[in-house]
Amino acid sequence: MKKKNKLFANRSPKRSLKEVLHLFSWQSIKKSFQTKNFKQGTYRGGLTVLVIVLVMLVNLIANQLPASVQTIDLSEEQIMEVSTTSENFLENLSDEIDFVVLANQSETDTTISTFIEKYAGLTKNISVEWIDPTLHPSALTEYSADEDTLVIIDQTTGESMTVSFSEILYSGYDSSYNTVTTFDGDGAITSALNALTSNEAQVIYTTEGHGETDLPTSITDAFSKNNYATETVNTLMTDELPTDADLLLIYGPTTDFTADEITQLEDYIAAGGKVMVVLSADDPDLPNLSSFMAAYGLAETAGYVADTERSYQGQPYYLFPNLTLSGTYAEGIENEMVLILNTKGFTEVDPTIENVTVTSLMETSSGGYDVTEDDQVQGTYLLGAVATQTVTAEEESTTDSTSEATTESTTESTTESSTESTESSDADEDAETEAVSDGMLTVVSSTNMMDDSILASVSTIENSTLFMNMVTANFADVSNISIEAKTLSSNTNTVTNPGSYSLFMILIIPLIILIVGFVIWLRRRKA
């Protein structure tokens, strides 16, 4: 008997035409819709379609949200995040602003394009328009700007400013000659907006003629961002300080002031002037300037100041002062870490000038020491302070009575002359009120506070913010909007003077590992 071919062993017999037609009959199709498999397939298919529709809807809604909501910055330096300083500035922005970006948006670095959109999304007063100069070359002529430039237009005043992409994102070298890419969108844009919308710029005069230290880049950049204008004055060559000076800055003098100059400074402060002294890190002998500060209650220490409790990695001359800040001085200060190297200090003494109050801004811990070749005196030493000179009620009443006498004497004239005299008297009273406003002397112990190399070495310190707060506190109704640039490189913990740490890491730890490994090997060998 022949065996069946295995290939056709399980093959179904041919169906008749009637059976085939029955498979495609309406009743058969209707019955198939009622099977369990069809119901499960319908449920799964419908669920899949629903999920796809929901995803599409979420994407459509998300695309309509502002960039500030769409973007989440997970970078170490929070590159895309707008600072609190900028947020506060934008809250008070009342002018209508247009951002015209002369660049191809799809080809622009995403860091720049995303930040511009996110920044503008924080206020309804800013609109953004991207114009591709390749497609619209006339735009470069219309806005008098180059390609890859942000044009900021104040529609309220009609004024405009430009910020090039090279000011926002640029590369340079650190102190070790490593390439560092820096992002300054926050600082550059807010600074431009401030300059565009502010009514006037504060004027800072820096003294010359006493071997003063040049202002470091960290200060000049911060002044520029705050829209502070700078001029110079030689106090040896003038008998009157500039009347348009909002602040007189004495930065790192290495030769002393004369007695006449000191008298001039005291008269300037008594008339409501603002003076800021930053002592040279080279510790020159300046007896007249030291006496000047002592007259306002700040006596300079004989030696350098050390701190055994608050220092950088156990190095007592690398100080982290305690900060005692409020108001303008505390704006933007978050981690309260300010580093000052190799500095002298001050002790608070009774001022010889009347009506002076001293307020500490930076001071050592109780473990501070005034160190000289012959002695070490423990105590708490000031590293930054402000002395405020106020006018007494007696002086104010004298001014008021003088004004009243002037007014009474003019009332005997004709009506026209009486009116003119009254207006003149009011102007005189306003001038007297301005003249007797509080004078201020701000003192910082060392130019090392703003040394560029120190600021670059330790990125987490807030030296620049505090220094600019000290400057800004001299101006009425002005906030510090100087925002530091952020690096796109990873921060490293650099030990400036490794000392015993190098010995521990290079010798002791490897030796311990070798000994432990040898002991384990010996035990296994014996086993």
Protein backbone atom coordinates (compact mmCIF):
# COMPACT_ATOMS: atom_id res chain seq x y z
CA MET A 1 0.00 0.00 0.00
CA LYS A 2 1.39 3.31 -1.01
CA LYS A 3 2.07 5.83 1.69
CA LYS A 4 0.44 9.26 1.41
CA ASN A 5 2.61 12.13 0.30
CA LYS A 6 3.40 14.07 3.48
CA LEU A 7 3.24 17.31 1.53
CA PHE A 8 -0.49 16.89 0.99
CA ALA A 9 -1.28 14.86 4.10
CA ASN A 10 -2.91 17.77 6.01
CA ARG A 11 -4.36 19.54 3.03
CA SER A 12 -8.07 20.33 3.37
CA PRO A 13 -10.41 18.97 0.71
CA LYS A 14 -11.77 21.30 -1.92
CA ARG A 15 -14.77 23.42 -0.83
CA SER A 16 -17.92 23.47 -2.91
CA LEU A 17 -19.18 26.68 -4.44
CA LYS A 18 -22.06 26.76 -1.98
CA GLU A 19 -19.67 26.59 0.98
CA VAL A 20 -17.54 29.41 -0.48
CA LEU A 21 -20.57 31.62 -0.97
CA HIS A 22 -21.68 30.90 2.57
CA LEU A 23 -18.38 32.22 3.91
CA PHE A 24 -19.06 35.64 2.30
CA SER A 25 -22.76 35.81 3.11
CA TRP A 26 -24.13 38.74 5.15
CA GLN A 27 -25.08 36.49 8.02
CA SER A 28 -21.58 35.05 8.16
CA ILE A 29 -19.99 38.52 8.10
CA LYS A 30 -22.41 39.75 10.77
CA LYS A 31 -21.65 36.75 12.91
CA SER A 32 -17.90 37.39 12.60
CA PHE A 33 -18.42 40.87 14.07
CA GLN A 34 -19.79 39.24 17.19
CA THR A 35 -16.84 37.02 17.89
CA LYS A 36 -14.55 37.55 20.87
CA ASN A 37 -11.50 38.07 18.65
CA PHE A 38 -13.22 40.85 16.71
CA LYS A 39 -14.26 42.66 19.90
CA GLN A 40 -10.73 42.50 21.33
CA GLY A 41 -9.22 43.66 18.03
CA THR A 42 -11.67 46.55 17.82
CA TYR A 43 -10.87 47.63 21.39
CA ARG A 44 -7.11 47.53 20.81
CA GLY A 45 -7.34 49.29 17.47
CA GLY A 46 -9.59 52.01 18.88
CA LEU A 47 -7.28 52.50 21.85
CA THR A 48 -4.30 52.86 19.50
CA VAL A 49 -6.08 55.48 17.40
CA LEU A 50 -7.11 57.37 20.57
CA VAL A 51 -3.51 57.46 21.83
CA ILE A 52 -2.26 58.73 18.45
CA VAL A 53 -4.91 61.47 18.41
CA LEU A 54 -4.03 62.50 21.99
CA VAL A 55 -0.33 62.68 21.16
CA MET A 56 -1.06 64.87 18.13
CA LEU A 57 -3.26 67.16 20.22
CA VAL A 58 -0.61 67.45 22.95
CA ASN A 59 2.03 68.34 20.34
CA LEU A 60 -0.23 70.95 18.76
CA ILE A 61 -0.95 72.53 22.15
CA ALA A 62 2.71 72.37 23.22
CA ASN A 63 3.80 74.16 20.06
CA GLN A 64 1.54 77.07 20.98
CA LEU A 65 3.09 77.46 24.44
CA PRO A 66 5.78 80.15 24.98
CA ALA A 67 9.42 79.11 24.81
CA SER A 68 9.79 79.73 28.55
CA VAL A 69 7.43 76.78 29.15
CA GLN A 70 8.59 74.53 26.31
CA THR A 71 12.28 74.48 27.28
CA ILE A 72 13.69 72.75 30.34
CA ASP A 73 17.35 73.53 30.99
CA LEU A 74 19.26 70.61 32.50
CA SER A 75 22.74 72.08 31.95
CA GLU A 76 25.08 72.58 34.89
CA GLU A 77 25.23 76.36 34.45
CA GLN A 78 21.50 76.70 33.60
CA ILE A 79 22.40 78.39 30.32
CA MET A 80 18.81 78.82 29.13
CA GLU A 81 17.47 80.12 32.43
CA VAL A 82 16.74 83.83 32.70
CA SER A 83 18.19 85.33 35.87
CA THR A 84 16.10 86.80 38.67
CA THR A 85 17.69 90.16 37.90
CA SER A 86 16.35 90.06 34.32
CA GLU A 87 12.94 88.84 35.48
CA ASN A 88 12.64 91.77 37.89
CA PHE A 89 13.75 94.15 35.15
CA LEU A 90 11.16 92.78 32.70
CA GLU A 91 8.40 93.08 35.31
CA ASN A 92 9.02 96.83 35.44
CA LEU A 93 9.42 97.22 31.67
CA SER A 94 6.66 99.47 30.34
CA ASP A 95 8.00 100.36 26.86
CA GLU A 96 6.89 98.38 23.82
CA ILE A 97 9.95 96.51 22.48
CA ASP A 98 10.53 94.75 19.15
CA PHE A 99 13.22 92.08 18.78
CA VAL A 100 14.22 91.87 15.11
CA VAL A 101 16.64 88.97 14.59
CA LEU A 102 18.59 89.27 11.35
CA ALA A 103 19.47 85.58 10.89
CA ASN A 104 18.22 82.31 9.50
CA GLN A 105 16.46 80.81 12.51
CA SER A 106 16.95 77.21 11.39
CA GLU A 107 20.71 77.73 11.04
CA THR A 108 21.21 79.78 14.22
CA ASP A 109 22.82 78.11 17.22
CA THR A 110 19.92 76.63 19.21
CA THR A 111 21.32 78.10 22.43
CA ILE A 112 20.89 81.61 21.03
CA SER A 113 17.58 81.11 19.24
CA THR A 114 15.94 79.31 22.16
CA PHE A 115 17.12 81.87 24.69
CA ILE A 116 15.83 84.82 22.64
CA GLU A 117 12.39 83.23 22.36
CA LYS A 118 12.37 82.27 26.03
CA TYR A 119 13.50 85.73 27.14
CA ALA A 120 10.84 87.51 25.07
CA GLY A 121 8.19 85.10 26.34
CA LEU A 122 8.54 86.45 29.88
CA THR A 123 6.74 89.70 29.05
CA LYS A 124 3.94 90.75 26.75
CA ASN A 125 5.84 93.94 25.92
CA ILE A 126 8.40 92.18 23.70
CA SER A 127 7.66 90.77 20.25
CA VAL A 128 10.10 88.72 18.16
CA GLU A 129 10.53 88.72 14.38
CA TRP A 130 13.10 86.61 12.51
CA ILE A 131 14.28 87.93 9.14
CA ASP A 132 16.56 85.83 6.95
CA PRO A 133 19.06 88.24 5.32
CA THR A 134 19.63 85.77 2.48
CA LEU A 135 15.98 86.03 1.45
CA HIS A 136 15.62 89.70 2.44
CA PRO A 137 19.03 91.39 1.96
CA SER A 138 17.47 94.87 2.15
CA ALA A 139 16.78 94.28 5.86
CA LEU A 140 20.49 94.77 6.66
CA THR A 141 20.32 98.26 5.16
CA GLU A 142 16.94 99.02 6.71
CA TYR A 143 18.14 98.25 10.24
CA SER A 144 21.77 99.37 9.70
CA ALA A 145 23.05 96.10 11.10
CA ASP A 146 25.05 93.06 10.07
CA GLU A 147 23.89 89.49 9.66
CA ASP A 148 23.54 87.42 12.87
CA THR A 149 22.47 90.42 14.91
CA LEU A 150 19.63 91.09 17.34
CA VAL A 151 18.14 94.54 16.76
CA ILE A 152 16.27 95.86 19.80
CA ILE A 153 13.79 98.62 18.94
CA ASP A 154 11.97 100.70 21.54
CA GLN A 155 8.67 101.55 19.88
CA THR A 156 7.87 104.00 22.68
CA THR A 157 10.88 106.24 22.06
CA GLY A 158 11.90 105.17 18.56
CA GLU A 159 15.45 104.42 19.70
CA SER A 160 17.25 101.15 18.87
CA MET A 161 20.34 99.16 19.80
CA THR A 162 22.04 96.09 18.36
CA VAL A 163 23.50 93.00 20.02
CA SER A 164 25.56 90.77 17.74
CA PHE A 165 25.61 87.00 18.21
CA SER A 166 29.36 87.29 18.85
CA GLU A 167 28.53 89.26 22.02
CA ILE A 168 26.15 86.53 23.17
CA LEU A 169 28.20 83.42 22.40
CA TYR A 170 31.98 83.63 22.19
CA SER A 171 35.15 81.66 22.91
CA GLY A 172 38.31 82.58 24.78
CA TYR A 173 41.04 81.16 26.97
CA ASP A 174 41.15 80.65 30.71
CA SER A 175 44.21 81.12 32.96
CA SER A 176 45.47 77.66 31.89
CA TYR A 177 45.06 78.50 28.18
CA ASN A 178 42.16 76.10 27.77
CA THR A 179 39.46 77.10 25.29
CA VAL A 180 36.32 78.24 27.10
CA THR A 181 33.01 78.95 25.38
CA THR A 182 30.93 81.59 27.13
CA PHE A 183 27.23 82.44 26.85
CA ASP A 184 26.16 85.97 27.82
CA GLY A 185 22.68 86.24 26.37
CA ASP A 186 21.11 87.18 29.69
CA GLY A 187 23.61 89.91 30.49
CA ALA A 188 23.97 91.34 26.98
CA ILE A 189 20.24 91.60 26.23
CA THR A 190 19.22 92.99 29.62
CA SER A 191 22.08 95.49 29.51
CA ALA A 192 21.00 96.70 26.06
CA LEU A 193 17.38 97.03 27.19
CA ASN A 194 18.45 98.97 30.27
CA ALA A 195 20.56 101.38 28.22
CA LEU A 196 17.70 101.79 25.75
CA THR A 197 14.94 102.48 28.28
CA SER A 198 16.76 104.30 31.10
CA ASN A 199 16.48 108.07 31.21
CA GLU A 200 20.07 108.85 32.16
CA ALA A 201 23.34 107.15 33.00
CA GLN A 202 25.13 107.43 36.33
CA VAL A 203 28.58 108.99 36.08
CA ILE A 204 31.49 107.49 38.03
CA TYR A 205 34.70 109.49 38.29
CA THR A 206 37.88 107.57 39.00
CA THR A 207 40.79 109.44 40.54
CA GLU A 208 44.24 109.61 38.98
CA GLY A 209 47.61 110.99 40.01
CA HIS A 210 48.19 108.61 42.92
CA GLY A 211 49.41 105.52 41.09
CA GLU A 212 45.90 104.07 40.97
CA THR A 213 45.41 100.56 39.63
CA ASP A 214 43.64 100.26 36.27
CA LEU A 215 40.11 98.98 36.56
CA PRO A 216 40.06 95.26 35.71
CA THR A 217 37.92 93.89 32.91
CA SER A 218 35.43 92.48 35.41
CA ILE A 219 34.62 96.02 36.61
CA THR A 220 34.62 97.79 33.24
CA ASP A 221 32.32 95.14 31.76
CA ALA A 222 29.97 95.40 34.75
CA PHE A 223 29.91 99.21 34.49
CA SER A 224 29.05 98.93 30.80
CA LYS A 225 26.22 96.48 31.46
CA ASN A 226 24.76 98.81 34.10
CA ASN A 227 25.00 101.79 31.74
CA TYR A 228 27.44 103.58 34.08
CA ALA A 229 29.59 106.22 32.38
CA THR A 230 33.17 106.65 33.60
CA GLU A 231 35.37 109.74 33.67
CA THR A 232 38.67 110.58 35.36
CA VAL A 233 39.63 113.41 37.66
CA ASN A 234 42.99 114.46 39.08
CA THR A 235 42.25 115.83 42.55
CA LEU A 236 45.70 117.44 42.65
CA MET A 237 44.82 119.67 39.71
CA THR A 238 41.34 120.83 40.73
CA ASP A 239 40.02 122.74 43.71
CA GLU A 240 36.49 121.42 43.24
CA LEU A 241 35.29 117.91 42.51
CA PRO A 242 32.96 117.44 39.49
CA THR A 243 29.38 118.40 40.21
CA ASP A 244 28.01 115.74 37.85
CA ALA A 245 29.80 112.91 39.67
CA ASP A 246 27.42 110.35 41.14
CA LEU A 247 30.37 108.48 42.68
CA LEU A 248 34.06 109.19 43.17
CA LEU A 249 36.02 105.92 42.97
CA ILE A 250 39.56 105.69 44.39
CA TYR A 251 40.80 102.33 43.12
CA GLY A 252 44.10 100.88 44.36
CA PRO A 253 46.18 104.04 44.99
CA THR A 254 49.89 103.42 45.62
CA THR A 255 50.92 106.99 46.54
CA ASP A 256 49.33 109.09 49.26
CA PHE A 257 46.84 111.94 49.04
CA THR A 258 47.85 115.38 50.26
CA ALA A 259 46.28 117.07 53.30
CA ASP A 260 44.44 119.49 50.99
CA GLU A 261 43.01 116.60 48.98
CA ILE A 262 41.82 114.90 52.16
CA THR A 263 40.06 118.12 53.22
CA GLN A 264 38.50 118.30 49.77
CA LEU A 265 37.18 114.73 50.11
CA GLU A 266 35.75 115.43 53.57
CA ASP A 267 33.97 118.56 52.34
CA TYR A 268 32.64 116.60 49.36
CA ILE A 269 31.13 113.89 51.58
CA ALA A 270 29.73 116.50 54.01
CA ALA A 271 27.89 118.04 51.05
CA GLY A 272 26.26 114.72 50.21
CA GLY A 273 28.95 113.30 47.92
CA LYS A 274 29.64 109.59 47.55
CA VAL A 275 33.21 108.23 47.74
CA MET A 276 34.40 104.63 47.39
CA VAL A 277 37.93 103.57 48.35
CA VAL A 278 39.38 100.20 47.29
CA LEU A 279 42.82 99.69 48.86
CA SER A 280 45.74 98.42 46.81
CA ALA A 281 46.68 94.75 47.25
CA ASP A 282 50.35 95.85 47.34
CA ASP A 283 49.89 97.49 50.79
CA PRO A 284 51.62 100.84 50.15
CA ASP A 285 52.22 103.28 53.01
CA LEU A 286 49.41 105.85 52.78
CA PRO A 287 49.19 107.63 56.18
CA ASN A 288 46.92 110.49 55.02
CA LEU A 289 44.43 108.16 53.35
CA SER A 290 44.50 105.86 56.39
CA SER A 291 43.78 108.81 58.68
CA PHE A 292 40.96 109.87 56.37
CA MET A 293 39.26 106.46 56.72
CA ALA A 294 39.90 106.41 60.49
CA ALA A 295 38.13 109.76 60.80
CA TYR A 296 35.02 107.98 59.51
CA GLY A 297 35.40 105.15 62.05
CA LEU A 298 37.50 102.66 60.03
CA ALA A 299 41.04 102.16 61.37
CA GLU A 300 43.30 100.13 59.09
CA THR A 301 45.07 97.10 60.58
CA ALA A 302 48.85 97.08 60.92
CA GLY A 303 49.29 93.74 59.17
CA TYR A 304 47.51 91.29 56.90
CA VAL A 305 44.34 89.60 58.12
CA ALA A 306 44.05 85.82 58.55
CA ASP A 307 41.04 83.70 59.51
CA THR A 308 41.37 80.26 61.05
CA GLU A 309 37.65 79.47 60.75
CA ARG A 310 36.56 80.79 57.32
CA SER A 311 39.32 80.22 54.78
CA TYR A 312 39.85 78.51 51.42
CA GLN A 313 40.90 74.88 52.03
CA GLY A 314 42.64 75.71 55.29
CA GLN A 315 44.72 78.62 53.94
CA PRO A 316 44.12 81.39 56.53
CA TYR A 317 45.04 84.32 54.24
CA TYR A 318 42.45 83.22 51.65
CA LEU A 319 39.35 84.55 53.38
CA PHE A 320 35.63 83.86 53.03
CA PRO A 321 34.16 86.80 55.00
CA ASN A 322 30.88 86.71 56.85
CA LEU A 323 28.43 88.90 54.92
CA THR A 324 26.06 91.22 56.79
CA LEU A 325 23.91 92.52 53.94
CA SER A 326 20.49 94.05 53.50
CA GLY A 327 18.65 96.12 50.92
CA THR A 328 20.58 96.91 47.75
CA TYR A 329 23.71 95.21 49.11
CA ALA A 330 21.93 91.83 49.29
CA GLU A 331 20.42 91.84 45.78
CA GLY A 332 21.45 88.80 43.73
CA ILE A 333 23.50 87.26 46.56
CA GLU A 334 22.60 83.57 46.84
CA ASN A 335 25.39 81.41 48.27
CA GLU A 336 27.12 84.24 50.24
CA MET A 337 30.58 83.11 49.12
CA VAL A 338 33.03 85.97 48.57
CA LEU A 339 36.77 85.23 48.37
CA ILE A 340 39.45 87.81 49.22
CA LEU A 341 43.16 86.95 49.17
CA ASN A 342 46.03 88.53 51.12
CA THR A 343 44.24 91.56 52.47
CA LYS A 344 44.45 94.07 55.27
CA GLY A 345 41.37 94.88 57.33
CA PHE A 346 39.76 97.44 59.58
CA THR A 347 38.65 97.79 63.15
CA GLU A 348 35.71 100.01 64.00
CA VAL A 349 36.69 103.06 66.08
CA ASP A 350 34.88 106.21 67.22
CA PRO A 351 34.66 108.61 64.25
CA THR A 352 36.21 112.04 64.70
CA ILE A 353 33.79 113.43 62.11
CA GLU A 354 30.35 114.18 63.50
CA ASN A 355 27.16 112.31 62.63
CA VAL A 356 28.86 109.27 61.06
CA THR A 357 27.42 105.76 61.30
CA VAL A 358 29.45 102.71 60.24
CA THR A 359 27.73 99.64 58.76
CA SER A 360 29.68 96.42 58.26
CA LEU A 361 29.28 94.59 54.94
CA MET A 362 32.06 91.98 55.17
CA GLU A 363 33.96 90.81 58.24
CA THR A 364 36.03 87.88 59.46
CA SER A 365 34.86 85.35 62.01
CA SER A 366 35.90 85.67 65.65
CA GLY A 367 38.88 83.56 64.60
CA GLY A 368 40.39 86.43 62.63
CA TYR A 369 43.94 87.64 63.27
CA ASP A 370 45.86 90.82 62.50
CA VAL A 371 49.25 89.33 61.68
CA THR A 372 52.48 91.35 61.73
CA GLU A 373 56.10 90.28 62.00
CA ASP A 374 56.01 90.83 65.76
CA ASP A 375 52.50 89.93 66.83
CA GLN A 376 49.19 88.18 66.08
CA VAL A 377 46.11 89.92 67.47
CA GLN A 378 42.90 87.91 67.47
CA GLY A 379 39.58 89.61 66.77
CA THR A 380 36.84 90.27 64.24
CA TYR A 381 38.04 92.52 61.42
CA LEU A 382 36.05 94.41 58.81
CA LEU A 383 36.89 93.80 55.14
CA GLY A 384 34.18 95.98 53.67
CA ALA A 385 32.01 98.69 55.23
CA VAL A 386 30.09 101.89 54.54
CA ALA A 387 30.24 105.05 56.67
CA THR A 388 27.21 107.34 56.30
CA GLN A 389 27.35 110.99 57.35
CA THR A 390 23.97 112.53 58.11
CA VAL A 391 22.86 116.10 58.78
CA THR A 392 21.59 117.01 62.26
CA ALA A 393 18.18 118.52 62.93
CA GLU A 394 19.89 121.73 64.12
CA GLU A 395 21.58 122.20 60.75
CA GLU A 396 18.32 121.50 58.92
CA SER A 397 16.39 124.02 61.06
CA THR A 398 19.06 126.62 60.41
CA THR A 399 18.63 126.08 56.69
CA ASP A 400 14.83 126.27 56.98
CA SER A 401 14.88 129.48 59.05
CA THR A 402 17.24 131.09 56.55
CA SER A 403 14.86 130.22 53.73
CA GLU A 404 11.88 131.61 55.69
CA ALA A 405 13.71 134.87 56.41
CA THR A 406 14.50 135.21 52.75
CA THR A 407 10.84 134.67 51.86
CA GLU A 408 9.57 137.21 54.41
CA SER A 409 11.97 139.88 53.23
CA THR A 410 10.75 139.56 49.67
CA THR A 411 7.01 139.85 50.51
CA GLU A 412 7.34 143.62 50.93
CA SER A 413 7.98 144.03 47.19
CA THR A 414 5.41 144.23 44.41
CA THR A 415 3.21 141.23 43.61
CA GLU A 416 5.25 140.33 40.53
CA SER A 417 8.56 140.52 42.33
CA SER A 418 7.05 138.63 45.29
CA THR A 419 6.09 135.77 43.02
CA GLU A 420 9.54 135.69 41.48
CA SER A 421 11.15 135.77 44.92
CA THR A 422 8.97 132.94 46.17
CA GLU A 423 9.94 130.79 43.16
CA SER A 424 13.58 131.66 43.74
CA SER A 425 13.21 130.82 47.42
CA ASP A 426 11.66 127.43 46.58
CA ALA A 427 14.54 126.69 44.24
CA ASP A 428 17.00 127.67 46.96
CA GLU A 429 15.24 125.37 49.43
CA ASP A 430 15.42 122.48 46.95
CA ALA A 431 19.11 123.17 46.40
CA GLU A 432 19.75 123.27 50.16
CA THR A 433 17.84 120.01 50.64
CA GLU A 434 19.95 118.35 47.98
CA ALA A 435 23.14 119.80 49.46
CA VAL A 436 22.47 118.36 52.93
CA SER A 437 21.62 114.82 51.74
CA ASP A 438 23.57 111.96 53.31
CA GLY A 439 27.19 111.55 52.27
CA MET A 440 28.73 108.09 52.02
CA LEU A 441 32.19 106.57 52.24
CA THR A 442 32.39 102.93 51.10
CA VAL A 443 35.62 101.05 51.82
CA VAL A 444 36.85 97.71 50.41
CA SER A 445 40.01 96.18 51.89
CA SER A 446 41.74 95.02 48.69
CA THR A 447 41.67 95.20 44.91
CA ASN A 448 42.07 91.41 45.05
CA MET A 449 38.31 91.23 45.51
CA MET A 450 37.88 91.97 41.79
CA ASP A 451 41.05 90.38 40.42
CA ASP A 452 40.21 88.81 37.04
CA SER A 453 42.34 85.71 37.64
CA ILE A 454 40.63 85.00 40.98
CA LEU A 455 37.15 85.40 39.50
CA ALA A 456 38.07 83.05 36.64
CA SER A 457 39.57 80.42 38.96
CA VAL A 458 36.55 80.03 41.27
CA SER A 459 33.34 80.43 39.29
CA THR A 460 30.99 80.00 42.26
CA ILE A 461 32.06 83.09 44.21
CA GLU A 462 29.91 86.23 44.18
CA ASN A 463 32.63 88.88 44.37
CA SER A 464 31.44 90.73 41.28
CA THR A 465 27.80 90.83 42.40
CA LEU A 466 28.65 92.21 45.84
CA PHE A 467 31.11 94.77 44.48
CA MET A 468 28.55 96.10 42.00
CA ASN A 469 25.93 96.21 44.76
CA MET A 470 28.33 98.39 46.78
CA VAL A 471 28.66 100.72 43.81
CA THR A 472 24.94 100.78 43.02
CA ALA A 473 23.99 101.52 46.66
CA ASN A 474 25.42 105.01 46.15
CA PHE A 475 22.72 105.83 43.58
CA ALA A 476 19.08 106.56 44.33
CA ASP A 477 16.44 104.31 42.72
CA VAL A 478 19.00 102.26 40.76
CA SER A 479 19.40 98.47 40.80
CA ASN A 480 22.41 96.41 39.86
CA ILE A 481 21.61 94.67 36.58
CA SER A 482 25.13 93.45 35.83
CA ILE A 483 24.71 89.75 35.02
CA GLU A 484 27.77 87.55 34.75
CA ALA A 485 28.30 85.41 31.65
CA LYS A 486 28.00 81.63 31.90
CA THR A 487 30.52 79.10 30.67
CA LEU A 488 29.42 76.17 28.51
CA SER A 489 32.41 74.18 29.73
CA SER A 490 32.18 71.85 32.71
CA ASN A 491 33.34 73.40 35.96
CA THR A 492 36.28 71.74 37.64
CA ASN A 493 37.30 71.92 41.27
CA THR A 494 40.80 73.37 41.03
CA VAL A 495 42.93 73.29 44.16
CA THR A 496 45.05 76.43 43.97
CA ASN A 497 47.66 75.28 46.51
CA PRO A 498 47.28 71.51 46.88
CA GLY A 499 49.97 71.03 49.55
CA SER A 500 49.28 67.90 51.59
CA TYR A 501 46.36 66.96 49.31
CA SER A 502 48.80 66.08 46.52
CA LEU A 503 50.82 63.84 48.83
CA PHE A 504 47.65 62.11 49.99
CA MET A 505 46.24 61.55 46.49
CA ILE A 506 49.48 60.66 44.72
CA LEU A 507 51.31 58.59 47.35
CA ILE A 508 49.23 57.51 50.34
CA ILE A 509 46.06 56.29 48.57
CA PRO A 510 47.94 54.24 45.90
CA LEU A 511 50.15 52.75 48.65
CA ILE A 512 47.11 51.68 50.68
CA ILE A 513 45.58 50.06 47.59
CA LEU A 514 48.81 48.13 46.90
CA ILE A 515 49.04 46.89 50.50
CA VAL A 516 45.40 45.76 50.57
CA GLY A 517 45.80 44.01 47.23
CA PHE A 518 48.97 42.23 48.40
CA VAL A 519 47.26 41.01 51.61
CA ILE A 520 44.30 39.63 49.65
CA TRP A 521 46.62 37.89 47.18
CA LEU A 522 48.68 36.37 50.01
CA ARG A 523 45.60 34.99 51.79
CA ARG A 524 44.26 33.41 48.62
CA ARG A 525 47.64 31.86 47.86
CA LYS A 526 47.84 30.24 51.31
CA ALA A 527 44.30 28.97 51.01
